[in-house]
Amino acid sequence: MKNKTLNLRITERRLNKLKLYAASKEKTMTQLIEDWIDRLPSPEINNNSDAHEGCTS
């Protein structure tokens, strides 16, 4: 698997909160974010609409 990079703009307060939470769980920030993404439901494929509708990337 080839890793990709995600750049994210968040407030310093949120970044510090994430760092502290990760440390308290003995996980990296990447692990926490990956765990959260993995819990998202799989999107249903709908041929009538754009799968990336609303995406700002």
PDB file of N, CA and C in Angstrom:
ATOM      1  N   MET A   1       0.848  -1.178   0.000  1.00  0.00           N
ATOM      2  CA  MET A   1       0.000   0.000   0.000  1.00  0.00           C
ATOM      3  C   MET A   1       0.892   1.239   0.000  1.00  0.00           C
ATOM      4  N   LYS A   2       0.589   2.140  -0.903  1.00  0.00           N
ATOM      5  CA  LYS A   2       1.331   3.396  -0.968  1.00  0.00           C
ATOM      6  C   LYS A   2       0.630   4.425  -0.090  1.00  0.00           C
ATOM      7  N   ASN A   3       1.376   5.043   0.795  1.00  0.00           N
ATOM      8  CA  ASN A   3       0.812   6.060   1.686  1.00  0.00           C
ATOM      9  C   ASN A   3       0.677   7.390   0.970  1.00  0.00           C
ATOM     10  N   LYS A   4      -0.336   8.107   1.321  1.00  0.00           N
ATOM     11  CA  LYS A   4      -0.582   9.455   0.804  1.00  0.00           C
ATOM     12  C   LYS A   4      -0.520  10.427   1.967  1.00  0.00           C
ATOM     13  N   THR A   5      -0.409  11.699   1.655  1.00  0.00           N
ATOM     14  CA  THR A   5      -0.340  12.737   2.669  1.00  0.00           C
ATOM     15  C   THR A   5      -1.633  13.526   2.678  1.00  0.00           C
ATOM     16  N   LEU A   6      -2.091  13.882   3.862  1.00  0.00           N
ATOM     17  CA  LEU A   6      -3.269  14.718   4.030  1.00  0.00           C
ATOM     18  C   LEU A   6      -2.844  15.982   4.761  1.00  0.00           C
ATOM     19  N   ASN A   7      -3.050  17.126   4.138  1.00  0.00           N
ATOM     20  CA  ASN A   7      -2.782  18.413   4.789  1.00  0.00           C
ATOM     21  C   ASN A   7      -4.105  18.929   5.317  1.00  0.00           C
ATOM     22  N   LEU A   8      -4.092  19.408   6.535  1.00  0.00           N
ATOM     23  CA  LEU A   8      -5.319  19.805   7.196  1.00  0.00           C
ATOM     24  C   LEU A   8      -5.110  21.110   7.935  1.00  0.00           C
ATOM     25  N   ARG A   9      -6.041  22.041   7.776  1.00  0.00           N
ATOM     26  CA  ARG A   9      -5.972  23.306   8.512  1.00  0.00           C
ATOM     27  C   ARG A   9      -6.963  23.226   9.666  1.00  0.00           C
ATOM     28  N   ILE A  10      -6.430  23.267  10.874  1.00  0.00           N
ATOM     29  CA  ILE A  10      -7.268  23.284  12.074  1.00  0.00           C
ATOM     30  C   ILE A  10      -6.685  24.300  13.050  1.00  0.00           C
ATOM     31  N   THR A  11      -7.493  24.673  14.009  1.00  0.00           N
ATOM     32  CA  THR A  11      -7.013  25.633  14.994  1.00  0.00           C
ATOM     33  C   THR A  11      -5.951  24.991  15.884  1.00  0.00           C
ATOM     34  N   GLU A  12      -5.140  25.840  16.471  1.00  0.00           N
ATOM     35  CA  GLU A  12      -4.112  25.348  17.391  1.00  0.00           C
ATOM     36  C   GLU A  12      -4.750  24.635  18.573  1.00  0.00           C
ATOM     37  N   ARG A  13      -5.890  25.133  19.030  1.00  0.00           N
ATOM     38  CA  ARG A  13      -6.606  24.508  20.145  1.00  0.00           C
ATOM     39  C   ARG A  13      -7.000  23.066  19.796  1.00  0.00           C
ATOM     40  N   ARG A  14      -7.531  22.866  18.599  1.00  0.00           N
ATOM     41  CA  ARG A  14      -7.930  21.516  18.187  1.00  0.00           C
ATOM     42  C   ARG A  14      -6.715  20.618  18.000  1.00  0.00           C
ATOM     43  N   LEU A  15      -5.645  21.153  17.447  1.00  0.00           N
ATOM     44  CA  LEU A  15      -4.433  20.369  17.271  1.00  0.00           C
ATOM     45  C   LEU A  15      -3.893  19.912  18.620  1.00  0.00           C
ATOM     46  N   ASN A  16      -3.847  20.823  19.579  1.00  0.00           N
ATOM     47  CA  ASN A  16      -3.359  20.458  20.911  1.00  0.00           C
ATOM     48  C   ASN A  16      -4.270  19.425  21.572  1.00  0.00           C
ATOM     49  N   LYS A  17      -5.566  19.575  21.372  1.00  0.00           N
ATOM     50  CA  LYS A  17      -6.525  18.611  21.920  1.00  0.00           C
ATOM     51  C   LYS A  17      -6.284  17.218  21.330  1.00  0.00           C
ATOM     52  N   LEU A  18      -6.054  17.168  20.011  1.00  0.00           N
ATOM     53  CA  LEU A  18      -5.777  15.896  19.348  1.00  0.00           C
ATOM     54  C   LEU A  18      -4.473  15.285  19.843  1.00  0.00           C
ATOM     55  N   LYS A  19      -3.441  16.105  19.984  1.00  0.00           N
ATOM     56  CA  LYS A  19      -2.147  15.616  20.479  1.00  0.00           C
ATOM     57  C   LYS A  19      -2.282  15.031  21.879  1.00  0.00           C
ATOM     58  N   LEU A  20      -2.981  15.745  22.764  1.00  0.00           N
ATOM     59  CA  LEU A  20      -3.154  15.274  24.139  1.00  0.00           C
ATOM     60  C   LEU A  20      -3.963  13.982  24.183  1.00  0.00           C
ATOM     61  N   TYR A  21      -5.010  13.921  23.373  1.00  0.00           N
ATOM     62  CA  TYR A  21      -5.841  12.720  23.354  1.00  0.00           C
ATOM     63  C   TYR A  21      -5.040  11.531  22.831  1.00  0.00           C
ATOM     64  N   ALA A  22      -4.274  11.752  21.762  1.00  0.00           N
ATOM     65  CA  ALA A  22      -3.446  10.678  21.206  1.00  0.00           C
ATOM     66  C   ALA A  22      -2.449  10.170  22.241  1.00  0.00           C
ATOM     67  N   ALA A  23      -1.820  11.084  22.951  1.00  0.00           N
ATOM     68  CA  ALA A  23      -0.856  10.684  23.980  1.00  0.00           C
ATOM     69  C   ALA A  23      -1.537   9.893  25.087  1.00  0.00           C
ATOM     70  N   SER A  24      -2.737  10.312  25.476  1.00  0.00           N
ATOM     71  CA  SER A  24      -3.442   9.618  26.554  1.00  0.00           C
ATOM     72  C   SER A  24      -3.863   8.212  26.154  1.00  0.00           C
ATOM     73  N   LYS A  25      -4.059   7.989  24.854  1.00  0.00           N
ATOM     74  CA  LYS A  25      -4.449   6.673  24.341  1.00  0.00           C
ATOM     75  C   LYS A  25      -3.257   5.880  23.819  1.00  0.00           C
ATOM     76  N   GLU A  26      -2.062   6.471  23.929  1.00  0.00           N
ATOM     77  CA  GLU A  26      -0.830   5.861  23.433  1.00  0.00           C
ATOM     78  C   GLU A  26      -0.957   5.491  21.958  1.00  0.00           C
ATOM     79  N   LYS A  27      -1.480   6.430  21.185  1.00  0.00           N
ATOM     80  CA  LYS A  27      -1.625   6.279  19.740  1.00  0.00           C
ATOM     81  C   LYS A  27      -1.064   7.527  19.071  1.00  0.00           C
ATOM     82  N   THR A  28      -0.800   7.411  17.783  1.00  0.00           N
ATOM     83  CA  THR A  28      -0.396   8.588  17.022  1.00  0.00           C
ATOM     84  C   THR A  28      -1.652   9.311  16.541  1.00  0.00           C
ATOM     85  N   MET A  29      -1.482  10.554  16.155  1.00  0.00           N
ATOM     86  CA  MET A  29      -2.606  11.299  15.595  1.00  0.00           C
ATOM     87  C   MET A  29      -3.085  10.614  14.312  1.00  0.00           C
ATOM     88  N   THR A  30      -2.156  10.081  13.532  1.00  0.00           N
ATOM     89  CA  THR A  30      -2.518   9.360  12.313  1.00  0.00           C
ATOM     90  C   THR A  30      -3.398   8.161  12.634  1.00  0.00           C
ATOM     91  N   GLN A  31      -3.036   7.401  13.661  1.00  0.00           N
ATOM     92  CA  GLN A  31      -3.834   6.239  14.036  1.00  0.00           C
ATOM     93  C   GLN A  31      -5.250   6.639  14.441  1.00  0.00           C
ATOM     94  N   LEU A  32      -5.374   7.726  15.191  1.00  0.00           N
ATOM     95  CA  LEU A  32      -6.702   8.187  15.597  1.00  0.00           C
ATOM     96  C   LEU A  32      -7.549   8.573  14.392  1.00  0.00           C
ATOM     97  N   ILE A  33      -6.966   9.302  13.464  1.00  0.00           N
ATOM     98  CA  ILE A  33      -7.703   9.748  12.277  1.00  0.00           C
ATOM     99  C   ILE A  33      -8.061   8.557  11.395  1.00  0.00           C
ATOM    100  N   GLU A  34      -7.130   7.621  11.225  1.00  0.00           N
ATOM    101  CA  GLU A  34      -7.427   6.419  10.436  1.00  0.00           C
ATOM    102  C   GLU A  34      -8.540   5.604  11.082  1.00  0.00           C
ATOM    103  N   ASP A  35      -8.520   5.479  12.410  1.00  0.00           N
ATOM    104  CA  ASP A  35      -9.588   4.757  13.112  1.00  0.00           C
ATOM    105  C   ASP A  35     -10.936   5.416  12.871  1.00  0.00           C
ATOM    106  N   TRP A  36     -10.962   6.750  12.924  1.00  0.00           N
ATOM    107  CA  TRP A  36     -12.204   7.473  12.693  1.00  0.00           C
ATOM    108  C   TRP A  36     -12.690   7.262  11.257  1.00  0.00           C
ATOM    109  N   ILE A  37     -11.796   7.355  10.290  1.00  0.00           N
ATOM    110  CA  ILE A  37     -12.166   7.154   8.883  1.00  0.00           C
ATOM    111  C   ILE A  37     -12.706   5.739   8.674  1.00  0.00           C
ATOM    112  N   ASP A  38     -12.072   4.761   9.300  1.00  0.00           N
ATOM    113  CA  ASP A  38     -12.505   3.372   9.151  1.00  0.00           C
ATOM    114  C   ASP A  38     -13.905   3.136   9.719  1.00  0.00           C
ATOM    115  N   ARG A  39     -14.339   3.966  10.656  1.00  0.00           N
ATOM    116  CA  ARG A  39     -15.679   3.825  11.240  1.00  0.00           C
ATOM    117  C   ARG A  39     -16.764   4.477  10.383  1.00  0.00           C
ATOM    118  N   LEU A  40     -16.378   5.269   9.392  1.00  0.00           N
ATOM    119  CA  LEU A  40     -17.362   5.897   8.516  1.00  0.00           C
ATOM    120  C   LEU A  40     -18.061   4.828   7.682  1.00  0.00           C
ATOM    121  N   PRO A  41     -19.349   4.990   7.429  1.00  0.00           N
ATOM    122  CA  PRO A  41     -20.040   4.006   6.589  1.00  0.00           C
ATOM    123  C   PRO A  41     -19.515   4.079   5.152  1.00  0.00           C
ATOM    124  N   SER A  42     -19.538   2.941   4.488  1.00  0.00           N
ATOM    125  CA  SER A  42     -19.123   2.917   3.084  1.00  0.00           C
ATOM    126  C   SER A  42     -20.179   3.624   2.252  1.00  0.00           C
ATOM    127  N   PRO A  43     -19.742   4.515   1.367  1.00  0.00           N
ATOM    128  CA  PRO A  43     -20.721   5.239   0.551  1.00  0.00           C
ATOM    129  C   PRO A  43     -21.373   4.300  -0.458  1.00  0.00           C
ATOM    130  N   GLU A  44     -22.655   4.514  -0.697  1.00  0.00           N
ATOM    131  CA  GLU A  44     -23.358   3.736  -1.705  1.00  0.00           C
ATOM    132  C   GLU A  44     -23.027   4.322  -3.069  1.00  0.00           C
ATOM    133  N   ILE A  45     -22.840   3.458  -4.041  1.00  0.00           N
ATOM    134  CA  ILE A  45     -22.536   3.910  -5.393  1.00  0.00           C
ATOM    135  C   ILE A  45     -23.856   4.214  -6.096  1.00  0.00           C
ATOM    136  N   ASN A  46     -23.968   5.454  -6.536  1.00  0.00           N
ATOM    137  CA  ASN A  46     -25.171   5.902  -7.220  1.00  0.00           C
ATOM    138  C   ASN A  46     -24.745   6.461  -8.565  1.00  0.00           C
ATOM    139  N   ASN A  47     -25.150   5.813  -9.628  1.00  0.00           N
ATOM    140  CA  ASN A  47     -24.725   6.237 -10.976  1.00  0.00           C
ATOM    141  C   ASN A  47     -25.388   7.551 -11.407  1.00  0.00           C
ATOM    142  N   ASN A  48     -26.393   8.017 -10.674  1.00  0.00           N
ATOM    143  CA  ASN A  48     -27.101   9.218 -11.062  1.00  0.00           C
ATOM    144  C   ASN A  48     -26.504  10.488 -10.482  1.00  0.00           C
ATOM    145  N   SER A  49     -25.520  10.355  -9.609  1.00  0.00           N
ATOM    146  CA  SER A  49     -24.933  11.555  -9.008  1.00  0.00           C
ATOM    147  C   SER A  49     -23.422  11.399  -8.950  1.00  0.00           C
ATOM    148  N   ASP A  50     -22.772  12.525  -8.803  1.00  0.00           N
ATOM    149  CA  ASP A  50     -21.313  12.552  -8.703  1.00  0.00           C
ATOM    150  C   ASP A  50     -20.906  12.039  -7.328  1.00  0.00           C
ATOM    151  N   ALA A  51     -20.030  11.035  -7.262  1.00  0.00           N
ATOM    152  CA  ALA A  51     -19.610  10.455  -5.993  1.00  0.00           C
ATOM    153  C   ALA A  51     -18.840  11.445  -5.136  1.00  0.00           C
ATOM    154  N   HIS A  52     -18.300  12.497  -5.748  1.00  0.00           N
ATOM    155  CA  HIS A  52     -17.514  13.478  -5.006  1.00  0.00           C
ATOM    156  C   HIS A  52     -18.263  14.773  -4.808  1.00  0.00           C
ATOM    157  N   GLU A  53     -19.576  14.745  -4.953  1.00  0.00           N
ATOM    158  CA  GLU A  53     -20.359  15.962  -4.803  1.00  0.00           C
ATOM    159  C   GLU A  53     -20.155  16.548  -3.407  1.00  0.00           C
ATOM    160  N   GLY A  54     -19.891  17.813  -3.345  1.00  0.00           N
ATOM    161  CA  GLY A  54     -19.657  18.474  -2.076  1.00  0.00           C
ATOM    162  C   GLY A  54     -18.224  18.418  -1.606  1.00  0.00           C
ATOM    163  N   CYS A  55     -17.392  17.688  -2.308  1.00  0.00           N
ATOM    164  CA  CYS A  55     -15.979  17.552  -1.958  1.00  0.00           C
ATOM    165  C   CYS A  55     -15.246  18.825  -2.353  1.00  0.00           C
ATOM    166  N   THR A  56     -14.366  19.294  -1.503  1.00  0.00           N
ATOM    167  CA  THR A  56     -13.648  20.531  -1.801  1.00  0.00           C
ATOM    168  C   THR A  56     -12.180  20.298  -2.096  1.00  0.00           C
ATOM    169  N   SER A  57     -11.791  19.046  -2.310  1.00  0.00           N
ATOM    170  CA  SER A  57     -10.376  18.765  -2.558  1.00  0.00           C
ATOM    171  C   SER A  57     -10.010  18.942  -3.996  1.00  0.00           C
TER     172      SER A  57
END
